[in-house]
Amino acid sequence: MAHVKLFTTGYCPFCTRAKDLLVKRGVSDFEEIRVDTDPSQRAVMMEVSGRRTVPQIFIGSHHVGGCDELFDLDHAGELAPLLAG
């Protein structure tokens, strides 16, 4: 399974939805970087994603984007192959 990394906050409902979908798709271990508890990570997130909002999701080296893009991939049948690596 590909490495999954998410930049999140503890109060973001979209972050929760994205994590729930990943768990539903069999991702039991993902790296979560909380930008609300470590503000320096927001600058890192913005540098690697080009975006300011959370969540920002990476599967392997692929930048998925946010929650909507993750769900779009799932609905298109493209999430499972990406997760499989």
C-alpha atoms as a PDB file:
ATOM      1  CA  MET A   1       0.000   0.000   0.000  1.00  0.00           C
ATOM      2  CA  ALA A   2       1.205   3.478  -0.869  1.00  0.00           C
ATOM      3  CA  HIS A   3       2.228   5.882   1.871  1.00  0.00           C
ATOM      4  CA  VAL A   4      -0.575   8.346   2.660  1.00  0.00           C
ATOM      5  CA  LYS A   5       0.143  11.728   4.233  1.00  0.00           C
ATOM      6  CA  LEU A   6      -2.470  14.285   5.251  1.00  0.00           C
ATOM      7  CA  PHE A   7      -2.063  17.835   6.482  1.00  0.00           C
ATOM      8  CA  THR A   8      -5.042  18.467   8.776  1.00  0.00           C
ATOM      9  CA  THR A   9      -6.468  20.352  11.722  1.00  0.00           C
ATOM     10  CA  GLY A  10      -8.397  18.882  14.624  1.00  0.00           C
ATOM     11  CA  TYR A  11     -11.521  20.932  13.954  1.00  0.00           C
ATOM     12  CA  CYS A  12     -11.907  20.475  10.182  1.00  0.00           C
ATOM     13  CA  PRO A  13     -14.945  18.406   9.114  1.00  0.00           C
ATOM     14  CA  PHE A  14     -13.430  17.863   5.659  1.00  0.00           C
ATOM     15  CA  CYS A  15     -10.319  16.378   7.281  1.00  0.00           C
ATOM     16  CA  THR A  16     -12.527  13.967   9.211  1.00  0.00           C
ATOM     17  CA  ARG A  17     -14.449  12.976   6.063  1.00  0.00           C
ATOM     18  CA  ALA A  18     -11.204  12.369   4.160  1.00  0.00           C
ATOM     19  CA  LYS A  19      -9.725  10.233   6.948  1.00  0.00           C
ATOM     20  CA  ASP A  20     -12.977   8.259   7.242  1.00  0.00           C
ATOM     21  CA  LEU A  21     -12.956   7.503   3.513  1.00  0.00           C
ATOM     22  CA  LEU A  22      -9.341   6.370   3.632  1.00  0.00           C
ATOM     23  CA  VAL A  23     -10.095   4.030   6.534  1.00  0.00           C
ATOM     24  CA  LYS A  24     -13.141   2.717   4.652  1.00  0.00           C
ATOM     25  CA  ARG A  25     -10.859   1.981   1.698  1.00  0.00           C
ATOM     26  CA  GLY A  26      -8.481  -0.035   3.869  1.00  0.00           C
ATOM     27  CA  VAL A  27      -5.860   2.526   4.815  1.00  0.00           C
ATOM     28  CA  SER A  28      -5.098   1.621   8.403  1.00  0.00           C
ATOM     29  CA  ASP A  29      -1.905   3.633   8.785  1.00  0.00           C
ATOM     30  CA  PHE A  30      -1.485   7.145   7.439  1.00  0.00           C
ATOM     31  CA  GLU A  31       0.742  10.026   8.419  1.00  0.00           C
ATOM     32  CA  GLU A  32      -1.275  12.918   9.801  1.00  0.00           C
ATOM     33  CA  ILE A  33       0.410  16.285  10.197  1.00  0.00           C
ATOM     34  CA  ARG A  34      -1.660  18.666  12.304  1.00  0.00           C
ATOM     35  CA  VAL A  35      -1.011  22.238  11.216  1.00  0.00           C
ATOM     36  CA  ASP A  36      -3.072  23.596  14.118  1.00  0.00           C
ATOM     37  CA  THR A  37      -0.816  22.047  16.763  1.00  0.00           C
ATOM     38  CA  ASP A  38       2.407  22.698  14.805  1.00  0.00           C
ATOM     39  CA  PRO A  39       1.944  25.974  12.898  1.00  0.00           C
ATOM     40  CA  SER A  40       5.351  25.678  11.228  1.00  0.00           C
ATOM     41  CA  GLN A  41       3.923  22.744   9.273  1.00  0.00           C
ATOM     42  CA  ARG A  42       1.400  25.025   7.545  1.00  0.00           C
ATOM     43  CA  ALA A  43       4.299  26.694   5.721  1.00  0.00           C
ATOM     44  CA  VAL A  44       5.581  23.252   4.718  1.00  0.00           C
ATOM     45  CA  MET A  45       2.098  22.275   3.521  1.00  0.00           C
ATOM     46  CA  MET A  46       1.783  25.455   1.462  1.00  0.00           C
ATOM     47  CA  GLU A  47       5.207  24.924  -0.081  1.00  0.00           C
ATOM     48  CA  VAL A  48       4.583  21.313  -1.140  1.00  0.00           C
ATOM     49  CA  SER A  49       0.941  21.704  -2.180  1.00  0.00           C
ATOM     50  CA  GLY A  50       0.645  25.336  -3.243  1.00  0.00           C
ATOM     51  CA  ARG A  51      -2.544  25.565  -1.174  1.00  0.00           C
ATOM     52  CA  ARG A  52      -3.528  27.106   2.169  1.00  0.00           C
ATOM     53  CA  THR A  53      -6.563  24.989   3.095  1.00  0.00           C
ATOM     54  CA  VAL A  54      -6.811  21.623   4.826  1.00  0.00           C
ATOM     55  CA  PRO A  55      -6.855  18.795   4.255  1.00  0.00           C
ATOM     56  CA  GLN A  56      -4.035  18.427   1.781  1.00  0.00           C
ATOM     57  CA  ILE A  57      -3.631  14.778   0.877  1.00  0.00           C
ATOM     58  CA  PHE A  58      -0.668  12.980  -0.653  1.00  0.00           C
ATOM     59  CA  ILE A  59      -0.692   9.357  -1.776  1.00  0.00           C
ATOM     60  CA  GLY A  60       2.844   8.282  -2.491  1.00  0.00           C
ATOM     61  CA  SER A  61       4.363  11.229  -4.367  1.00  0.00           C
ATOM     62  CA  HIS A  62       0.993  12.200  -5.884  1.00  0.00           C
ATOM     63  CA  HIS A  63      -0.703  15.323  -4.496  1.00  0.00           C
ATOM     64  CA  VAL A  64      -4.398  14.436  -4.486  1.00  0.00           C
ATOM     65  CA  GLY A  65      -5.569  17.810  -3.227  1.00  0.00           C
ATOM     66  CA  GLY A  66      -8.354  18.172  -0.681  1.00  0.00           C
ATOM     67  CA  CYS A  67     -11.366  16.208   0.466  1.00  0.00           C
ATOM     68  CA  ASP A  68     -13.444  16.856  -2.663  1.00  0.00           C
ATOM     69  CA  GLU A  69     -10.655  15.651  -4.931  1.00  0.00           C
ATOM     70  CA  LEU A  70     -10.224  12.517  -2.811  1.00  0.00           C
ATOM     71  CA  PHE A  71     -13.938  11.714  -3.134  1.00  0.00           C
ATOM     72  CA  ASP A  72     -13.805  12.461  -6.868  1.00  0.00           C
ATOM     73  CA  LEU A  73     -10.975   9.945  -7.259  1.00  0.00           C
ATOM     74  CA  ASP A  74     -12.960   7.377  -5.321  1.00  0.00           C
ATOM     75  CA  HIS A  75     -16.118   7.897  -7.402  1.00  0.00           C
ATOM     76  CA  ALA A  76     -14.083   7.610 -10.603  1.00  0.00           C
ATOM     77  CA  GLY A  77     -12.585   4.297  -9.446  1.00  0.00           C
ATOM     78  CA  GLU A  78      -9.090   5.778  -9.392  1.00  0.00           C
ATOM     79  CA  LEU A  79      -8.470   5.827  -5.625  1.00  0.00           C
ATOM     80  CA  ALA A  80      -7.987   2.077  -5.102  1.00  0.00           C
ATOM     81  CA  PRO A  81      -5.253   1.742  -7.775  1.00  0.00           C
ATOM     82  CA  LEU A  82      -3.495   4.824  -6.405  1.00  0.00           C
ATOM     83  CA  LEU A  83      -3.584   3.382  -2.883  1.00  0.00           C
ATOM     84  CA  ALA A  84      -2.305   0.043  -4.137  1.00  0.00           C
ATOM     85  CA  GLY A  85       0.808   1.810  -5.362  1.00  0.00           C
END
